[in-house]
Amino acid sequence: MDIRISRIYLDKRTVSTALAQKILSALPQVTPMVDHKDTLLEQLLAESLPGGKRTLFITLDDGEMVRPCPGTTAPYLCCRYSVITITEQCPMDCTYCILQQYLWERPVLTVYANPERALNQVDCLLSDHPGRFFRFGTGELADSLALESLTGQAADLIKFFALRKNCLLELKTKSDRIESLLSLKTPGNIVVSWSLNPPKVIRVMEKGSATMEERLQAARACQERDYLLGFHFDPLLLVEDWENDYESVVESLFQVVDPARVAWISLGALRFPPSLWDIMRTRFPDSPILNGEFIRGLDGKMRYPRPLRLKLFHHLTRQIRRRAPDILLYFCMEPPWVWQEVLGFAPASNAEVDLLFARSLAHRFPQLHIEPIETHAYHQSW
């Protein structure tokens, strides 16, 4: 994948920060525009999304940089993932990407030059909640590795988490930007994960991303360096010949990676807020998604109807279990009855999903040194 930055907007407060200087030295051909944050934001609001994917805004985050994943509402279950936001927006251009709608007021690549604020908040969270194992990730509002060659943020996070207990860091990506990871001494509590879809979906609907072969080769390289791996079949898409296409993806996956090194696999069918429909129709008028059958779910999001979702989940589960029966499978934003129907059990709450992760990881990966699990800690909010 090829990331091209044509413009840099620099918040005056960040000029002397190490991260800003690192990025500027990597892009000597681009002259930054330096001004106050508010002035720059007024200019950036007028930026189009395609142009925004080539525009970098370096600023500071003065608020909460570590938050619970926004997930969705009951009856749908979420896994209580903890999101670290040190970057926002993505240089790739996926047809279905919710960031088109969710970050409409910030249509540019944004890097926060004060990551130490986020790290302090991680330490406070771990200190305030003993007895609970935390899963942190940077892939909610950005791709975790797409800008790694410019920022080195992932490598810095790995060094930070190597010294922390009772937690892990997931780096979620559709790129193959793993060079900085391979040069590090690998701690046991890092999961590098990839979103997967059939090659024709990647080619048509995930523009600017790494090919499936490039993603799997990057996964193999990380596996050889003793990283744990994760994979996300999300969003699953009902495209023509999807049964054969997804079976081929699963087969290719386990030809490359060792199931014993895979921490988890998620399954999530396409869902999106209704307002994203008009954005997709404007930006991607020929997308096959627009010909799909959708209903409005109980959380207000557009979803495939229940029978179609179950068909997707049953098919993927059979293919994965045939090749890797012991891997933790979970659903993203699905109700308990989906878990029960497809996996034969159903967590009663988000806290129980969180606890499921801790117990599975403690059993399969003793190198994580997960402290004795205190069930009550998982039923406390933060």
Protein backbone atom coordinates (compact mmCIF):
# COMPACT_ATOMS: atom_id res chain seq x y z
CA MET A 1 0.00 0.00 0.00
CA ASP A 2 1.16 3.51 -0.83
CA ILE A 3 0.44 6.41 1.56
CA ARG A 4 0.88 9.84 -0.01
CA ILE A 5 0.74 12.97 2.15
CA SER A 6 0.43 16.18 0.16
CA ARG A 7 -0.42 18.67 2.94
CA ILE A 8 0.44 19.03 6.62
CA TYR A 9 -1.39 21.28 9.06
CA LEU A 10 0.52 21.81 12.28
CA ASP A 11 -1.03 23.02 15.54
CA LYS A 12 1.44 25.62 16.91
CA ARG A 13 1.56 23.80 20.24
CA THR A 14 3.08 20.71 18.61
CA VAL A 15 5.95 22.30 16.69
CA SER A 16 8.63 21.24 19.18
CA THR A 17 7.21 17.80 20.03
CA ALA A 18 9.25 14.73 19.16
CA LEU A 19 6.43 13.16 17.15
CA ALA A 20 5.85 16.25 15.00
CA GLN A 21 9.56 16.57 14.28
CA LYS A 22 9.76 12.89 13.37
CA ILE A 23 6.89 13.19 10.88
CA LEU A 24 8.24 16.40 9.34
CA SER A 25 11.68 14.87 8.87
CA ALA A 26 10.07 11.93 7.06
CA LEU A 27 8.21 14.29 4.71
CA PRO A 28 10.76 17.02 3.86
CA GLN A 29 9.03 17.70 0.54
CA VAL A 30 5.85 18.91 2.26
CA THR A 31 5.85 22.39 3.81
CA PRO A 32 3.62 22.48 6.89
CA MET A 33 1.02 25.18 7.51
CA VAL A 34 1.40 26.28 11.13
CA ASP A 35 -1.41 28.03 13.01
CA HIS A 36 -3.71 27.82 16.02
CA LYS A 37 -5.80 24.66 16.32
CA ASP A 38 -9.16 26.43 15.98
CA THR A 39 -8.05 28.33 12.89
CA LEU A 40 -6.79 25.16 11.27
CA LEU A 41 -9.99 23.26 12.09
CA GLU A 42 -12.04 25.87 10.25
CA GLN A 43 -9.95 25.29 7.14
CA LEU A 44 -9.98 21.51 7.50
CA LEU A 45 -13.78 21.37 7.70
CA ALA A 46 -13.87 22.39 4.06
CA GLU A 47 -11.63 19.50 3.07
CA SER A 48 -13.18 16.73 0.97
CA LEU A 49 -12.77 13.18 2.21
CA PRO A 50 -10.60 12.02 -0.73
CA GLY A 51 -8.35 15.03 -0.22
CA GLY A 52 -8.42 14.49 3.52
CA LYS A 53 -6.83 11.10 3.08
CA ARG A 54 -3.73 12.89 1.77
CA THR A 55 -3.82 15.62 4.41
CA LEU A 56 -2.18 15.28 7.83
CA PHE A 57 -3.21 17.33 10.86
CA ILE A 58 -0.83 17.21 13.83
CA THR A 59 -2.38 18.50 17.04
CA LEU A 60 -2.89 17.74 20.74
CA ASP A 61 -5.75 15.94 22.47
CA ASP A 62 -6.68 17.67 25.69
CA GLY A 63 -9.40 15.20 26.73
CA GLU A 64 -9.95 11.50 27.28
CA MET A 65 -7.72 9.47 24.97
CA VAL A 66 -8.66 6.09 26.49
CA ARG A 67 -12.35 5.15 26.41
CA PRO A 68 -14.57 2.08 26.32
CA CYS A 69 -15.41 1.03 22.77
CA PRO A 70 -18.69 2.81 21.88
CA GLY A 71 -20.09 -0.52 20.68
CA THR A 72 -23.85 -0.53 20.43
CA THR A 73 -26.94 -0.79 22.63
CA ALA A 74 -28.85 -3.70 24.18
CA PRO A 75 -29.81 -6.34 23.24
CA TYR A 76 -26.63 -6.47 21.16
CA LEU A 77 -23.51 -7.66 23.01
CA CYS A 78 -20.13 -5.94 22.97
CA CYS A 79 -16.80 -7.17 24.30
CA ARG A 80 -15.86 -4.14 26.45
CA TYR A 81 -12.75 -3.38 24.46
CA SER A 82 -10.75 -0.32 25.58
CA VAL A 83 -9.86 2.14 22.81
CA ILE A 84 -6.67 4.21 22.76
CA THR A 85 -7.06 7.18 20.40
CA ILE A 86 -3.72 8.57 19.27
CA THR A 87 -4.66 8.77 15.58
CA GLU A 88 -7.93 9.37 13.76
CA GLN A 89 -9.11 8.72 10.19
CA CYS A 90 -7.57 6.37 7.66
CA PRO A 91 -5.66 6.77 4.37
CA MET A 92 -7.47 3.75 2.93
CA ASP A 93 -10.91 4.18 1.38
CA CYS A 94 -13.31 1.34 2.19
CA THR A 95 -16.79 1.68 0.74
CA TYR A 96 -18.53 0.67 3.95
CA CYS A 97 -16.25 2.53 6.40
CA ILE A 98 -18.24 4.11 9.22
CA LEU A 99 -15.56 6.79 9.69
CA GLN A 100 -17.00 8.51 6.61
CA GLN A 101 -20.01 9.32 8.77
CA TYR A 102 -18.63 9.16 12.30
CA LEU A 103 -15.73 11.57 11.71
CA TRP A 104 -17.39 13.74 9.07
CA GLU A 105 -16.29 16.91 10.91
CA ARG A 106 -12.63 15.75 10.84
CA PRO A 107 -12.14 14.45 7.30
CA VAL A 108 -8.32 14.47 7.54
CA LEU A 109 -5.68 12.16 8.95
CA THR A 110 -5.15 13.36 12.51
CA VAL A 111 -2.17 12.48 14.68
CA TYR A 112 -2.03 13.50 18.33
CA ALA A 113 1.47 14.56 19.31
CA ASN A 114 0.94 13.99 23.04
CA PRO A 115 0.62 10.17 23.28
CA GLU A 116 2.05 10.31 26.81
CA ARG A 117 -1.35 11.60 27.92
CA ALA A 118 -2.97 8.40 26.64
CA LEU A 119 -0.32 6.24 28.30
CA ASN A 120 -0.89 7.95 31.64
CA GLN A 121 -4.61 7.24 31.29
CA VAL A 122 -3.86 3.57 30.60
CA ASP A 123 -1.83 3.35 33.79
CA CYS A 124 -4.59 5.03 35.79
CA LEU A 125 -7.17 2.61 34.43
CA LEU A 126 -5.06 -0.44 35.27
CA SER A 127 -4.39 0.91 38.75
CA ASP A 128 -8.06 1.68 39.40
CA HIS A 129 -9.31 -1.77 38.34
CA PRO A 130 -7.19 -4.56 39.82
CA GLY A 131 -8.49 -8.05 39.22
CA ARG A 132 -9.54 -7.36 35.65
CA PHE A 133 -7.66 -8.14 32.44
CA PHE A 134 -7.86 -5.28 29.92
CA ARG A 135 -7.71 -5.50 26.15
CA PHE A 136 -6.56 -2.22 24.59
CA GLY A 137 -6.48 -1.32 20.91
CA THR A 138 -5.84 1.60 18.58
CA GLY A 139 -7.89 0.37 15.63
CA GLU A 140 -11.30 1.88 16.37
CA LEU A 141 -10.98 5.37 14.83
CA ALA A 142 -7.93 4.63 12.71
CA ASP A 143 -5.95 1.79 11.21
CA SER A 144 -3.32 0.81 13.79
CA LEU A 145 -0.43 0.49 11.32
CA ALA A 146 -1.26 2.49 8.18
CA LEU A 147 0.84 5.50 9.26
CA GLU A 148 3.44 3.52 11.20
CA SER A 149 6.27 4.36 8.79
CA LEU A 150 5.70 8.06 9.57
CA THR A 151 4.87 7.97 13.28
CA GLY A 152 6.38 4.86 14.86
CA GLN A 153 3.50 5.00 17.34
CA ALA A 154 2.83 1.26 17.32
CA ALA A 155 6.44 0.46 18.14
CA ASP A 156 6.35 2.93 21.03
CA LEU A 157 3.14 1.37 22.36
CA ILE A 158 4.64 -2.12 22.19
CA LYS A 159 7.58 -0.98 24.35
CA PHE A 160 5.15 0.58 26.82
CA PHE A 161 2.89 -2.47 27.11
CA ALA A 162 5.88 -4.79 27.46
CA LEU A 163 6.24 -3.39 30.99
CA ARG A 164 2.55 -3.68 31.96
CA LYS A 165 0.75 -6.63 33.51
CA ASN A 166 -2.80 -7.90 33.23
CA CYS A 167 -3.41 -6.30 29.86
CA LEU A 168 -2.68 -6.68 26.18
CA LEU A 169 -2.51 -4.41 23.16
CA GLU A 170 -4.16 -5.22 19.84
CA LEU A 171 -2.91 -3.55 16.66
CA LYS A 172 -5.67 -3.93 14.08
CA THR A 173 -4.92 -3.25 10.42
CA LYS A 174 -5.68 -3.76 6.74
CA SER A 175 -2.10 -2.85 5.86
CA ASP A 176 1.19 -4.72 5.76
CA ARG A 177 3.18 -1.99 7.54
CA ILE A 178 4.89 -4.25 10.07
CA GLU A 179 8.55 -3.31 9.56
CA SER A 180 8.93 -1.50 12.89
CA LEU A 181 7.33 -4.43 14.74
CA LEU A 182 9.77 -6.98 13.35
CA SER A 183 12.79 -5.10 14.71
CA LEU A 184 11.56 -5.24 18.32
CA LYS A 185 11.99 -7.76 21.06
CA THR A 186 8.48 -9.19 21.14
CA PRO A 187 6.59 -9.04 24.44
CA GLY A 188 3.99 -11.73 24.98
CA ASN A 189 1.02 -9.39 25.34
CA ILE A 190 0.81 -7.95 21.82
CA VAL A 191 -1.81 -9.13 19.30
CA VAL A 192 -1.41 -8.04 15.68
CA SER A 193 -4.67 -8.54 13.83
CA TRP A 194 -6.03 -8.22 10.33
CA SER A 195 -9.47 -7.70 8.84
CA LEU A 196 -10.10 -10.28 6.14
CA ASN A 197 -12.41 -10.40 3.13
CA PRO A 198 -12.34 -12.18 -0.23
CA PRO A 199 -9.82 -10.74 -2.73
CA LYS A 200 -12.56 -9.37 -4.98
CA VAL A 201 -14.07 -7.47 -2.04
CA ILE A 202 -10.66 -6.06 -1.10
CA ARG A 203 -10.04 -5.04 -4.70
CA VAL A 204 -13.40 -3.28 -5.18
CA MET A 205 -14.43 -2.12 -1.69
CA GLU A 206 -11.20 -1.69 0.30
CA LYS A 207 -9.23 0.65 -1.94
CA GLY A 208 -5.73 1.52 -0.87
CA SER A 209 -5.44 -1.45 1.50
CA ALA A 210 -3.04 -4.38 1.32
CA THR A 211 -4.12 -7.40 -0.70
CA MET A 212 -5.21 -10.52 1.12
CA GLU A 213 -1.93 -12.22 0.22
CA GLU A 214 0.04 -9.24 1.59
CA ARG A 215 -1.97 -9.31 4.83
CA LEU A 216 -1.42 -13.04 5.31
CA GLN A 217 2.30 -12.79 4.56
CA ALA A 218 2.56 -9.98 7.12
CA ALA A 219 0.73 -12.21 9.61
CA ARG A 220 3.18 -15.02 8.92
CA ALA A 221 6.11 -12.65 9.52
CA CYS A 222 4.62 -11.48 12.83
CA GLN A 223 3.98 -15.08 13.85
CA GLU A 224 7.63 -15.90 13.21
CA ARG A 225 8.55 -13.06 15.58
CA ASP A 226 6.30 -14.58 18.28
CA TYR A 227 3.47 -12.07 18.16
CA LEU A 228 0.00 -13.33 18.87
CA LEU A 229 -2.40 -12.96 15.95
CA GLY A 230 -6.04 -11.98 15.59
CA PHE A 231 -8.40 -11.97 12.61
CA HIS A 232 -11.64 -10.16 11.97
CA PHE A 233 -14.15 -11.33 9.41
CA ASP A 234 -15.88 -8.01 9.72
CA PRO A 235 -17.79 -6.84 7.87
CA LEU A 236 -19.02 -10.04 6.32
CA LEU A 237 -20.66 -9.15 3.01
CA LEU A 238 -23.31 -10.98 1.02
CA VAL A 239 -21.63 -10.67 -2.34
CA GLU A 240 -22.08 -13.01 -5.28
CA ASP A 241 -20.70 -16.51 -4.56
CA TRP A 242 -19.89 -15.50 -0.99
CA GLU A 243 -19.96 -19.07 0.35
CA ASN A 244 -17.09 -20.24 -1.85
CA ASP A 245 -15.21 -16.97 -1.50
CA TYR A 246 -15.18 -16.99 2.30
CA GLU A 247 -14.33 -20.68 2.43
CA SER A 248 -11.30 -19.92 0.25
CA VAL A 249 -10.24 -17.11 2.59
CA VAL A 250 -10.43 -19.38 5.64
CA GLU A 251 -8.49 -22.09 3.83
CA SER A 252 -5.79 -19.60 2.79
CA LEU A 253 -5.59 -18.24 6.32
CA PHE A 254 -4.83 -21.59 7.93
CA GLN A 255 -2.38 -22.55 5.23
CA VAL A 256 -0.30 -19.59 6.43
CA VAL A 257 -0.82 -19.24 10.19
CA ASP A 258 -0.64 -21.64 13.12
CA PRO A 259 -4.00 -21.81 14.93
CA ALA A 260 -2.11 -22.12 18.22
CA ARG A 261 -0.86 -18.54 17.75
CA VAL A 262 -4.30 -17.04 17.04
CA ALA A 263 -5.78 -15.28 20.07
CA TRP A 264 -9.26 -14.81 18.60
CA ILE A 265 -11.36 -14.51 15.47
CA SER A 266 -14.35 -12.18 15.29
CA LEU A 267 -17.40 -12.44 13.06
CA GLY A 268 -19.45 -9.37 12.26
CA ALA A 269 -22.02 -8.89 9.52
CA LEU A 270 -22.22 -5.54 7.74
CA ARG A 271 -24.11 -2.94 9.77
CA PHE A 272 -24.12 0.84 9.51
CA PRO A 273 -26.08 3.93 10.56
CA PRO A 274 -28.75 4.94 8.00
CA SER A 275 -26.93 8.21 7.31
CA LEU A 276 -24.01 6.24 5.84
CA TRP A 277 -26.29 5.00 3.06
CA ASP A 278 -26.41 8.39 1.33
CA ILE A 279 -22.65 8.80 1.72
CA MET A 280 -22.01 5.43 0.06
CA ARG A 281 -24.50 6.20 -2.69
CA THR A 282 -22.75 9.50 -3.42
CA ARG A 283 -19.16 8.29 -3.20
CA PHE A 284 -19.57 4.70 -4.45
CA PRO A 285 -22.71 4.62 -6.65
CA ASP A 286 -21.75 1.29 -8.25
CA SER A 287 -21.14 -0.56 -4.99
CA PRO A 288 -22.95 -3.92 -4.76
CA ILE A 289 -23.73 -3.06 -1.13
CA LEU A 290 -26.40 -0.68 -2.40
CA ASN A 291 -28.26 -3.61 -3.94
CA GLY A 292 -28.39 -5.53 -0.66
CA GLU A 293 -31.39 -6.30 1.53
CA PHE A 294 -31.31 -4.51 4.89
CA ILE A 295 -33.56 -3.89 7.85
CA ARG A 296 -33.25 -1.38 10.68
CA GLY A 297 -32.03 -3.16 13.83
CA LEU A 298 -33.05 -2.45 17.41
CA ASP A 299 -30.02 -0.17 17.76
CA GLY A 300 -31.09 1.85 14.69
CA LYS A 301 -28.35 0.44 12.47
CA MET A 302 -29.02 -1.09 9.08
CA ARG A 303 -28.38 -4.84 9.12
CA TYR A 304 -28.91 -7.91 6.99
CA PRO A 305 -32.14 -9.67 8.04
CA ARG A 306 -31.82 -12.32 10.73
CA PRO A 307 -31.94 -15.42 8.41
CA LEU A 308 -29.20 -14.01 6.18
CA ARG A 309 -26.94 -13.14 9.11
CA LEU A 310 -27.36 -16.60 10.58
CA LYS A 311 -26.51 -18.15 7.24
CA LEU A 312 -23.30 -16.11 7.09
CA PHE A 313 -22.31 -16.95 10.66
CA HIS A 314 -23.06 -20.67 10.41
CA HIS A 315 -21.02 -20.96 7.22
CA LEU A 316 -17.96 -19.11 8.56
CA THR A 317 -18.10 -20.91 11.90
CA ARG A 318 -18.15 -24.33 10.21
CA GLN A 319 -15.18 -23.42 8.02
CA ILE A 320 -13.13 -22.07 10.92
CA ARG A 321 -13.99 -24.84 13.40
CA ARG A 322 -13.10 -27.51 10.83
CA ARG A 323 -9.55 -26.17 10.73
CA ALA A 324 -9.11 -24.63 14.18
CA PRO A 325 -11.54 -26.04 16.75
CA ASP A 326 -9.98 -24.40 19.81
CA ILE A 327 -9.79 -20.75 18.72
CA LEU A 328 -11.96 -18.22 20.57
CA LEU A 329 -14.74 -17.14 18.22
CA TYR A 330 -16.92 -14.18 19.09
CA PHE A 331 -19.54 -11.98 17.48
CA CYS A 332 -19.29 -8.23 17.19
CA MET A 333 -22.55 -6.40 17.94
CA GLU A 334 -24.92 -9.35 17.83
CA PRO A 335 -27.62 -10.34 20.37
CA PRO A 336 -27.40 -13.38 22.67
CA TRP A 337 -29.67 -15.48 20.47
CA VAL A 338 -27.09 -15.37 17.66
CA TRP A 339 -24.42 -16.72 20.01
CA GLN A 340 -26.79 -19.44 21.19
CA GLU A 341 -27.92 -20.41 17.70
CA VAL A 342 -24.43 -20.54 16.16
CA LEU A 343 -22.02 -21.34 19.01
CA GLY A 344 -24.34 -23.17 21.41
CA PHE A 345 -23.98 -20.74 24.31
CA ALA A 346 -24.75 -17.10 25.00
CA PRO A 347 -23.09 -14.63 27.40
CA ALA A 348 -25.66 -12.91 29.58
CA SER A 349 -24.00 -9.48 29.40
CA ASN A 350 -21.12 -7.46 28.01
CA ALA A 351 -19.25 -8.17 31.24
CA GLU A 352 -19.53 -11.91 30.58
CA VAL A 353 -18.14 -11.45 27.06
CA ASP A 354 -15.19 -9.61 28.60
CA LEU A 355 -14.74 -12.41 31.14
CA LEU A 356 -14.87 -14.97 28.32
CA PHE A 357 -11.83 -13.34 26.73
CA ALA A 358 -9.87 -13.31 29.97
CA ARG A 359 -10.53 -16.97 30.71
CA SER A 360 -9.77 -18.11 27.15
CA LEU A 361 -6.54 -16.13 26.99
CA ALA A 362 -5.42 -17.28 30.44
CA HIS A 363 -5.96 -20.90 29.44
CA ARG A 364 -4.39 -20.79 25.98
CA PHE A 365 -1.56 -18.28 26.53
CA PRO A 366 0.05 -18.63 29.97
CA GLN A 367 2.78 -16.21 28.88
CA LEU A 368 0.25 -13.42 29.36
CA HIS A 369 0.55 -13.94 33.13
CA ILE A 370 -3.08 -13.06 33.70
CA GLU A 371 -3.58 -12.56 37.41
CA PRO A 372 -6.27 -14.55 39.25
CA ILE A 373 -9.57 -13.50 37.74
CA GLU A 374 -11.95 -11.75 40.12
CA THR A 375 -15.37 -12.17 38.56
CA HIS A 376 -16.84 -9.16 40.35
CA ALA A 377 -14.23 -6.89 38.74
CA TYR A 378 -15.72 -7.60 35.31
CA HIS A 379 -19.14 -6.37 36.40
CA GLN A 380 -17.78 -2.96 37.40
CA SER A 381 -17.88 -0.12 34.90
CA TRP A 382 -15.12 2.37 34.41
